Amino acid sequence: MITGETKFIDWGVFLVLGIFIGSYIAARGSREFKWRLPDKITIRNSAIGGICMGFGASVAGGCSIGNGLVETATMTWQGWIALASMIVGVWTMSHFIFVRPMKKVHQQSAKVKQQTQIV
């Protein structure tokens, strides 16, 4: 787009632009538009996740759709390893991000409940 060469302007460019413009119009129309910045922890986690995804895509030779869906459909062993690795990775991080904190909350609420029953 910047160079002026029209061969780089295709449907993908308009798709990305349409996502931004459409979401802006929808947010303004529903009166929910507001500039927001995430907290520092979210920015850090997003940056680390993006770097890991970029590294993984370069090592795997493509994106998760290509490796997880297309390669498994063609029954290649690389696709199945990629898919299994994605499942294990998602499960592991879901455990650390969601399950462990919820277990702590349940344990704390059980302690409080136990203490209130004693008193």
C-alpha atoms as a PDB file:
ATOM      1  CA  MET A   1       0.000   0.000   0.000  1.00  0.00           C
ATOM      2  CA  ILE A   2       2.761   2.435   0.820  1.00  0.00           C
ATOM      3  CA  THR A   3       4.847   1.776  -2.283  1.00  0.00           C
ATOM      4  CA  GLY A   4       1.942   2.399  -4.651  1.00  0.00           C
ATOM      5  CA  GLU A   5       2.279  -0.985  -6.309  1.00  0.00           C
ATOM      6  CA  THR A   6      -1.226  -2.299  -6.819  1.00  0.00           C
ATOM      7  CA  LYS A   7      -0.168  -5.946  -6.860  1.00  0.00           C
ATOM      8  CA  PHE A   8       0.097  -5.803  -3.061  1.00  0.00           C
ATOM      9  CA  ILE A   9      -3.461  -4.528  -2.659  1.00  0.00           C
ATOM     10  CA  ASP A  10      -5.693  -7.577  -2.713  1.00  0.00           C
ATOM     11  CA  TRP A  11      -8.651  -8.928  -0.786  1.00  0.00           C
ATOM     12  CA  GLY A  12      -6.466  -9.640   2.272  1.00  0.00           C
ATOM     13  CA  VAL A  13      -5.611  -5.966   2.662  1.00  0.00           C
ATOM     14  CA  PHE A  14      -9.256  -5.001   2.428  1.00  0.00           C
ATOM     15  CA  LEU A  15     -10.178  -7.754   4.883  1.00  0.00           C
ATOM     16  CA  VAL A  16      -7.814  -6.355   7.512  1.00  0.00           C
ATOM     17  CA  LEU A  17      -8.935  -2.785   6.880  1.00  0.00           C
ATOM     18  CA  GLY A  18     -12.570  -3.890   7.012  1.00  0.00           C
ATOM     19  CA  ILE A  19     -12.062  -5.515  10.395  1.00  0.00           C
ATOM     20  CA  PHE A  20     -10.750  -2.272  11.876  1.00  0.00           C
ATOM     21  CA  ILE A  21     -13.315  -0.037  10.194  1.00  0.00           C
ATOM     22  CA  GLY A  22     -16.226  -2.380  10.916  1.00  0.00           C
ATOM     23  CA  SER A  23     -15.336  -2.785  14.574  1.00  0.00           C
ATOM     24  CA  TYR A  24     -14.987   0.993  14.922  1.00  0.00           C
ATOM     25  CA  ILE A  25     -18.404   1.587  13.336  1.00  0.00           C
ATOM     26  CA  ALA A  26     -20.015  -1.101  15.506  1.00  0.00           C
ATOM     27  CA  ALA A  27     -18.478   0.292  18.699  1.00  0.00           C
ATOM     28  CA  ARG A  28     -19.519   3.846  17.851  1.00  0.00           C
ATOM     29  CA  GLY A  29     -23.017   2.715  16.917  1.00  0.00           C
ATOM     30  CA  SER A  30     -23.505   0.914  20.216  1.00  0.00           C
ATOM     31  CA  ARG A  31     -21.956   3.849  22.107  1.00  0.00           C
ATOM     32  CA  GLU A  32     -19.306   1.560  23.582  1.00  0.00           C
ATOM     33  CA  PHE A  33     -16.259   3.045  21.868  1.00  0.00           C
ATOM     34  CA  LYS A  34     -13.522   3.911  24.326  1.00  0.00           C
ATOM     35  CA  TRP A  35      -9.747   4.010  24.018  1.00  0.00           C
ATOM     36  CA  ARG A  36      -8.301   1.466  26.426  1.00  0.00           C
ATOM     37  CA  LEU A  37      -4.857   0.168  27.234  1.00  0.00           C
ATOM     38  CA  PRO A  38      -4.345  -3.204  28.870  1.00  0.00           C
ATOM     39  CA  ASP A  39      -2.334  -3.440  32.055  1.00  0.00           C
ATOM     40  CA  LYS A  40       1.401  -4.154  31.990  1.00  0.00           C
ATOM     41  CA  ILE A  41       1.001  -7.858  32.778  1.00  0.00           C
ATOM     42  CA  THR A  42      -1.360  -8.362  29.836  1.00  0.00           C
ATOM     43  CA  ILE A  43       1.013  -6.507  27.501  1.00  0.00           C
ATOM     44  CA  ARG A  44       3.943  -8.612  28.726  1.00  0.00           C
ATOM     45  CA  ASN A  45       2.032 -11.884  28.367  1.00  0.00           C
ATOM     46  CA  SER A  46       0.792 -10.927  24.898  1.00  0.00           C
ATOM     47  CA  ALA A  47       4.313 -10.046  23.758  1.00  0.00           C
ATOM     48  CA  ILE A  48       5.739 -13.303  25.101  1.00  0.00           C
ATOM     49  CA  GLY A  49       2.900 -15.273  23.508  1.00  0.00           C
ATOM     50  CA  GLY A  50       3.406 -13.542  20.168  1.00  0.00           C
ATOM     51  CA  ILE A  51       7.135 -14.236  20.210  1.00  0.00           C
ATOM     52  CA  CYS A  52       6.510 -17.898  21.068  1.00  0.00           C
ATOM     53  CA  MET A  53       3.916 -18.201  18.293  1.00  0.00           C
ATOM     54  CA  GLY A  54       6.274 -16.616  15.778  1.00  0.00           C
ATOM     55  CA  PHE A  55       9.086 -18.924  16.836  1.00  0.00           C
ATOM     56  CA  GLY A  56       6.785 -21.944  16.671  1.00  0.00           C
ATOM     57  CA  ALA A  57       5.497 -20.989  13.225  1.00  0.00           C
ATOM     58  CA  SER A  58       9.021 -20.591  11.894  1.00  0.00           C
ATOM     59  CA  VAL A  59      10.182 -23.908  13.380  1.00  0.00           C
ATOM     60  CA  ALA A  60       7.052 -25.753  12.228  1.00  0.00           C
ATOM     61  CA  GLY A  61       7.228 -24.300   8.742  1.00  0.00           C
ATOM     62  CA  GLY A  62       3.829 -22.646   8.861  1.00  0.00           C
ATOM     63  CA  CYS A  63       0.868 -21.632  10.935  1.00  0.00           C
ATOM     64  CA  SER A  64      -1.312 -23.730  13.200  1.00  0.00           C
ATOM     65  CA  ILE A  65      -4.066 -24.032  10.589  1.00  0.00           C
ATOM     66  CA  GLY A  66      -1.646 -25.419   8.025  1.00  0.00           C
ATOM     67  CA  ASN A  67      -0.026 -27.829  10.436  1.00  0.00           C
ATOM     68  CA  GLY A  68      -2.941 -28.791  12.644  1.00  0.00           C
ATOM     69  CA  LEU A  69      -5.748 -29.081  10.129  1.00  0.00           C
ATOM     70  CA  VAL A  70      -4.346 -29.438   6.629  1.00  0.00           C
ATOM     71  CA  GLU A  71      -1.483 -31.772   7.477  1.00  0.00           C
ATOM     72  CA  THR A  72      -3.683 -34.036   9.615  1.00  0.00           C
ATOM     73  CA  ALA A  73      -6.233 -34.190   6.799  1.00  0.00           C
ATOM     74  CA  THR A  74      -3.492 -35.447   4.493  1.00  0.00           C
ATOM     75  CA  MET A  75      -2.444 -37.916   7.236  1.00  0.00           C
ATOM     76  CA  THR A  76       1.169 -36.776   7.576  1.00  0.00           C
ATOM     77  CA  TRP A  77       2.972 -37.602  10.789  1.00  0.00           C
ATOM     78  CA  GLN A  78       4.205 -34.006  11.112  1.00  0.00           C
ATOM     79  CA  GLY A  79       0.631 -32.750  11.222  1.00  0.00           C
ATOM     80  CA  TRP A  80      -0.357 -35.196  13.939  1.00  0.00           C
ATOM     81  CA  ILE A  81       2.677 -34.266  16.046  1.00  0.00           C
ATOM     82  CA  ALA A  82       1.875 -30.579  15.571  1.00  0.00           C
ATOM     83  CA  LEU A  83      -1.766 -31.112  16.547  1.00  0.00           C
ATOM     84  CA  ALA A  84      -0.858 -33.173  19.617  1.00  0.00           C
ATOM     85  CA  SER A  85       1.685 -30.534  20.662  1.00  0.00           C
ATOM     86  CA  MET A  86      -0.922 -27.789  20.299  1.00  0.00           C
ATOM     87  CA  ILE A  87      -3.411 -29.729  22.413  1.00  0.00           C
ATOM     88  CA  VAL A  88      -0.834 -30.383  25.141  1.00  0.00           C
ATOM     89  CA  GLY A  89       0.316 -26.753  25.070  1.00  0.00           C
ATOM     90  CA  VAL A  90      -3.211 -25.373  25.322  1.00  0.00           C
ATOM     91  CA  TRP A  91      -4.104 -27.777  28.120  1.00  0.00           C
ATOM     92  CA  THR A  92      -0.923 -26.945  30.052  1.00  0.00           C
ATOM     93  CA  MET A  93      -1.350 -23.187  29.840  1.00  0.00           C
ATOM     94  CA  SER A  94      -5.086 -23.434  30.580  1.00  0.00           C
ATOM     95  CA  HIS A  95      -4.189 -25.359  33.710  1.00  0.00           C
ATOM     96  CA  PHE A  96      -1.786 -22.654  34.895  1.00  0.00           C
ATOM     97  CA  ILE A  97      -3.963 -19.701  33.884  1.00  0.00           C
ATOM     98  CA  PHE A  98      -7.425 -20.960  34.861  1.00  0.00           C
ATOM     99  CA  VAL A  99      -7.442 -24.197  36.873  1.00  0.00           C
ATOM    100  CA  ARG A 100      -4.766 -23.435  39.481  1.00  0.00           C
ATOM    101  CA  PRO A 101      -6.162 -19.998  40.390  1.00  0.00           C
ATOM    102  CA  MET A 102      -9.668 -21.465  40.693  1.00  0.00           C
ATOM    103  CA  LYS A 103      -8.381 -24.242  42.961  1.00  0.00           C
ATOM    104  CA  LYS A 104      -6.809 -21.601  45.217  1.00  0.00           C
ATOM    105  CA  VAL A 105     -10.085 -19.677  45.326  1.00  0.00           C
ATOM    106  CA  HIS A 106     -12.012 -22.834  46.223  1.00  0.00           C
ATOM    107  CA  GLN A 107      -9.491 -23.735  48.931  1.00  0.00           C
ATOM    108  CA  GLN A 108      -9.677 -20.243  50.422  1.00  0.00           C
ATOM    109  CA  SER A 109     -13.470 -20.245  50.372  1.00  0.00           C
ATOM    110  CA  ALA A 110     -13.495 -23.700  51.989  1.00  0.00           C
ATOM    111  CA  LYS A 111     -11.204 -22.411  54.768  1.00  0.00           C
ATOM    112  CA  VAL A 112     -13.434 -19.398  55.350  1.00  0.00           C
ATOM    113  CA  LYS A 113     -16.517 -21.615  55.380  1.00  0.00           C
ATOM    114  CA  GLN A 114     -14.822 -23.967  57.838  1.00  0.00           C
ATOM    115  CA  GLN A 115     -13.815 -21.076  60.110  1.00  0.00           C
ATOM    116  CA  THR A 116     -17.329 -19.647  60.128  1.00  0.00           C
ATOM    117  CA  GLN A 117     -18.770 -23.035  61.074  1.00  0.00           C
ATOM    118  CA  ILE A 118     -16.348 -23.349  64.013  1.00  0.00           C
ATOM    119  CA  VAL A 119     -17.270 -19.935  65.389  1.00  0.00           C
END
